[in-house]
Amino acid sequence: MCRQETAERIRELTKDLPEEDAREVLNFIEFLRFKRLAGEDETAYLLKEPANRRRLLEALENIRQGRHVEAKELLPDD
């Protein structure tokens, strides 16, 4: 199965899911992506633990949705 077929299949399988369930599918896909890209660095280590993984992916979703995000002005590099 090629990448496009896989993406279409994911869309097909998730289109009728409740939003919360669809979000869990997306979180799992994000986890797999992080796992592949991160190797064995600190983030991958934290993502291995289910409670940490849920918290990190929740934080990522909050950032994407603009929740709990605060803009701060940085000091100049003098």
N, C-alpha and C. Protein backbone atom coordinates (compact mmCIF):
# COMPACT_ATOMS: atom_id res chain seq x y z
N MET A 1 0.86 -1.18 0.00
CA MET A 1 0.00 0.00 0.00
C MET A 1 0.90 1.23 0.00
N CYS A 2 0.64 2.16 -0.91
CA CYS A 2 1.45 3.38 -0.99
C CYS A 2 0.97 4.40 0.05
N ARG A 3 1.77 5.44 0.22
CA ARG A 3 1.48 6.47 1.22
C ARG A 3 0.10 7.10 1.01
N GLN A 4 -0.23 7.43 -0.23
CA GLN A 4 -1.53 8.07 -0.51
C GLN A 4 -2.68 7.12 -0.19
N GLU A 5 -2.53 5.85 -0.54
CA GLU A 5 -3.57 4.86 -0.21
C GLU A 5 -3.73 4.72 1.29
N THR A 6 -2.62 4.75 2.00
CA THR A 6 -2.66 4.66 3.45
C THR A 6 -3.39 5.86 4.04
N ALA A 7 -3.07 7.06 3.55
CA ALA A 7 -3.72 8.28 4.04
C ALA A 7 -5.21 8.23 3.75
N GLU A 8 -5.58 7.76 2.57
CA GLU A 8 -7.00 7.66 2.22
C GLU A 8 -7.71 6.65 3.12
N ARG A 9 -7.03 5.56 3.41
CA ARG A 9 -7.62 4.53 4.29
C ARG A 9 -7.81 5.08 5.69
N ILE A 10 -6.85 5.84 6.20
CA ILE A 10 -6.99 6.45 7.53
C ILE A 10 -8.17 7.40 7.53
N ARG A 11 -8.28 8.24 6.49
CA ARG A 11 -9.44 9.15 6.40
C ARG A 11 -10.75 8.38 6.40
N GLU A 12 -10.79 7.31 5.63
CA GLU A 12 -12.00 6.51 5.52
C GLU A 12 -12.38 5.90 6.88
N LEU A 13 -11.38 5.39 7.58
CA LEU A 13 -11.65 4.73 8.85
C LEU A 13 -12.02 5.70 9.97
N THR A 14 -11.57 6.94 9.87
CA THR A 14 -11.80 7.90 10.95
C THR A 14 -12.95 8.86 10.69
N LYS A 15 -13.49 8.88 9.47
CA LYS A 15 -14.50 9.90 9.13
C LYS A 15 -15.76 9.81 9.98
N ASP A 16 -16.14 8.64 10.43
CA ASP A 16 -17.36 8.48 11.22
C ASP A 16 -17.10 8.34 12.71
N LEU A 17 -15.84 8.46 13.10
CA LEU A 17 -15.51 8.35 14.53
C LEU A 17 -15.89 9.64 15.25
N PRO A 18 -16.26 9.53 16.53
CA PRO A 18 -16.42 10.74 17.32
C PRO A 18 -15.09 11.52 17.34
N GLU A 19 -15.18 12.81 17.49
CA GLU A 19 -13.97 13.65 17.42
C GLU A 19 -12.90 13.19 18.40
N GLU A 20 -13.28 12.84 19.61
CA GLU A 20 -12.30 12.41 20.62
C GLU A 20 -11.55 11.16 20.15
N ASP A 21 -12.25 10.21 19.55
CA ASP A 21 -11.60 9.00 19.05
C ASP A 21 -10.68 9.31 17.87
N ALA A 22 -11.15 10.17 16.97
CA ALA A 22 -10.31 10.56 15.84
C ALA A 22 -9.05 11.26 16.32
N ARG A 23 -9.17 12.08 17.37
CA ARG A 23 -8.00 12.76 17.94
C ARG A 23 -7.01 11.74 18.50
N GLU A 24 -7.51 10.67 19.11
CA GLU A 24 -6.63 9.62 19.64
C GLU A 24 -5.86 8.96 18.50
N VAL A 25 -6.52 8.73 17.37
CA VAL A 25 -5.84 8.16 16.20
C VAL A 25 -4.73 9.10 15.75
N LEU A 26 -5.04 10.39 15.67
CA LEU A 26 -4.02 11.37 15.27
C LEU A 26 -2.87 11.42 16.26
N ASN A 27 -3.19 11.34 17.55
CA ASN A 27 -2.15 11.34 18.57
C ASN A 27 -1.23 10.13 18.40
N PHE A 28 -1.82 8.98 18.08
CA PHE A 28 -1.01 7.79 17.89
C PHE A 28 -0.12 7.94 16.66
N ILE A 29 -0.65 8.51 15.59
CA ILE A 29 0.16 8.74 14.39
C ILE A 29 1.31 9.69 14.71
N GLU A 30 1.01 10.75 15.48
CA GLU A 30 2.08 11.67 15.91
C GLU A 30 3.13 10.94 16.73
N PHE A 31 2.69 10.07 17.62
CA PHE A 31 3.62 9.29 18.43
C PHE A 31 4.53 8.45 17.54
N LEU A 32 3.95 7.77 16.55
CA LEU A 32 4.76 6.96 15.64
C LEU A 32 5.76 7.82 14.88
N ARG A 33 5.33 9.00 14.46
CA ARG A 33 6.22 9.92 13.75
C ARG A 33 7.37 10.36 14.64
N PHE A 34 7.04 10.76 15.87
CA PHE A 34 8.09 11.15 16.82
C PHE A 34 9.04 10.00 17.07
N LYS A 35 8.49 8.82 17.26
CA LYS A 35 9.31 7.65 17.55
C LYS A 35 10.30 7.38 16.42
N ARG A 36 9.81 7.50 15.19
CA ARG A 36 10.68 7.26 14.03
C ARG A 36 11.74 8.33 13.89
N LEU A 37 11.34 9.60 14.07
CA LEU A 37 12.26 10.70 13.86
C LEU A 37 13.23 10.90 15.02
N ALA A 38 12.79 10.60 16.22
CA ALA A 38 13.57 10.94 17.40
C ALA A 38 14.62 9.91 17.77
N GLY A 39 14.46 8.69 17.30
CA GLY A 39 15.40 7.65 17.70
C GLY A 39 15.30 7.43 19.19
N GLU A 40 16.42 7.49 19.87
CA GLU A 40 16.43 7.24 21.30
C GLU A 40 16.79 8.49 22.10
N ASP A 41 16.43 9.67 21.60
CA ASP A 41 16.74 10.89 22.34
C ASP A 41 15.76 11.05 23.51
N GLU A 42 15.86 12.13 24.21
CA GLU A 42 15.07 12.36 25.41
C GLU A 42 13.57 12.35 25.13
N THR A 43 13.14 12.96 24.05
CA THR A 43 11.72 12.98 23.72
C THR A 43 11.20 11.57 23.49
N ALA A 44 11.94 10.77 22.74
CA ALA A 44 11.53 9.39 22.49
C ALA A 44 11.44 8.63 23.80
N TYR A 45 12.41 8.86 24.67
CA TYR A 45 12.39 8.20 25.98
C TYR A 45 11.12 8.57 26.75
N LEU A 46 10.78 9.87 26.76
CA LEU A 46 9.58 10.31 27.46
C LEU A 46 8.31 9.77 26.81
N LEU A 47 8.31 9.65 25.49
CA LEU A 47 7.14 9.16 24.78
C LEU A 47 6.89 7.67 24.99
N LYS A 48 7.89 6.94 25.46
CA LYS A 48 7.72 5.51 25.69
C LYS A 48 6.74 5.23 26.83
N GLU A 49 6.73 6.08 27.82
CA GLU A 49 5.84 5.90 28.96
C GLU A 49 4.45 6.42 28.60
N PRO A 50 3.40 5.58 28.68
CA PRO A 50 2.05 6.01 28.25
C PRO A 50 1.56 7.31 28.90
N ALA A 51 1.78 7.48 30.19
CA ALA A 51 1.31 8.71 30.86
C ALA A 51 2.06 9.93 30.34
N ASN A 52 3.37 9.80 30.16
CA ASN A 52 4.15 10.92 29.61
C ASN A 52 3.74 11.20 28.17
N ARG A 53 3.54 10.13 27.39
CA ARG A 53 3.16 10.29 26.00
C ARG A 53 1.84 11.06 25.90
N ARG A 54 0.84 10.66 26.72
CA ARG A 54 -0.45 11.36 26.70
C ARG A 54 -0.27 12.84 27.05
N ARG A 55 0.53 13.13 28.06
CA ARG A 55 0.74 14.52 28.49
C ARG A 55 1.45 15.34 27.41
N LEU A 56 2.49 14.78 26.80
CA LEU A 56 3.22 15.50 25.76
C LEU A 56 2.35 15.73 24.53
N LEU A 57 1.59 14.72 24.13
CA LEU A 57 0.72 14.88 22.96
C LEU A 57 -0.43 15.84 23.26
N GLU A 58 -0.90 15.84 24.50
CA GLU A 58 -1.92 16.81 24.90
C GLU A 58 -1.36 18.23 24.83
N ALA A 59 -0.14 18.40 25.30
CA ALA A 59 0.51 19.72 25.24
C ALA A 59 0.69 20.17 23.79
N LEU A 60 1.08 19.24 22.93
CA LEU A 60 1.23 19.55 21.51
C LEU A 60 -0.10 19.99 20.91
N GLU A 61 -1.17 19.29 21.25
CA GLU A 61 -2.50 19.66 20.75
C GLU A 61 -2.92 21.03 21.30
N ASN A 62 -2.62 21.30 22.57
CA ASN A 62 -2.93 22.62 23.14
C ASN A 62 -2.23 23.73 22.38
N ILE A 63 -0.99 23.51 22.03
CA ILE A 63 -0.24 24.51 21.27
C ILE A 63 -0.88 24.71 19.90
N ARG A 64 -1.22 23.61 19.24
CA ARG A 64 -1.86 23.71 17.93
C ARG A 64 -3.19 24.46 17.98
N GLN A 65 -3.93 24.28 19.08
CA GLN A 65 -5.22 24.92 19.23
C GLN A 65 -5.12 26.32 19.85
N GLY A 66 -3.89 26.73 20.23
CA GLY A 66 -3.70 28.05 20.81
C GLY A 66 -4.13 28.14 22.27
N ARG A 67 -4.27 27.00 22.92
CA ARG A 67 -4.64 26.98 24.34
C ARG A 67 -3.38 26.96 25.20
N HIS A 68 -3.44 27.69 26.29
CA HIS A 68 -2.33 27.72 27.26
C HIS A 68 -1.02 28.18 26.62
N VAL A 69 -1.12 29.02 25.61
CA VAL A 69 0.06 29.56 24.94
C VAL A 69 0.15 31.04 25.25
N GLU A 70 1.31 31.44 25.68
CA GLU A 70 1.52 32.83 26.06
C GLU A 70 2.72 33.39 25.30
N ALA A 71 2.51 34.47 24.57
CA ALA A 71 3.61 35.09 23.83
C ALA A 71 4.43 35.95 24.78
N LYS A 72 5.73 35.85 24.67
CA LYS A 72 6.63 36.66 25.50
C LYS A 72 7.65 37.33 24.59
N GLU A 73 7.97 38.57 24.92
CA GLU A 73 8.99 39.27 24.17
C GLU A 73 10.36 38.82 24.65
N LEU A 74 11.22 38.50 23.71
CA LEU A 74 12.56 38.05 24.06
C LEU A 74 13.49 39.24 24.22
N LEU A 75 14.49 39.08 25.06
CA LEU A 75 15.50 40.12 25.24
C LEU A 75 16.44 40.12 24.04
N PRO A 76 16.97 41.28 23.68
CA PRO A 76 17.91 41.33 22.55
C PRO A 76 19.19 40.58 22.88
N ASP A 77 19.92 40.18 21.85
CA ASP A 77 21.17 39.41 22.00
C ASP A 77 22.39 40.29 22.21
N ASP A 78 22.31 41.34 22.96
CA ASP A 78 23.44 42.27 23.15
C ASP A 78 24.60 41.60 23.82
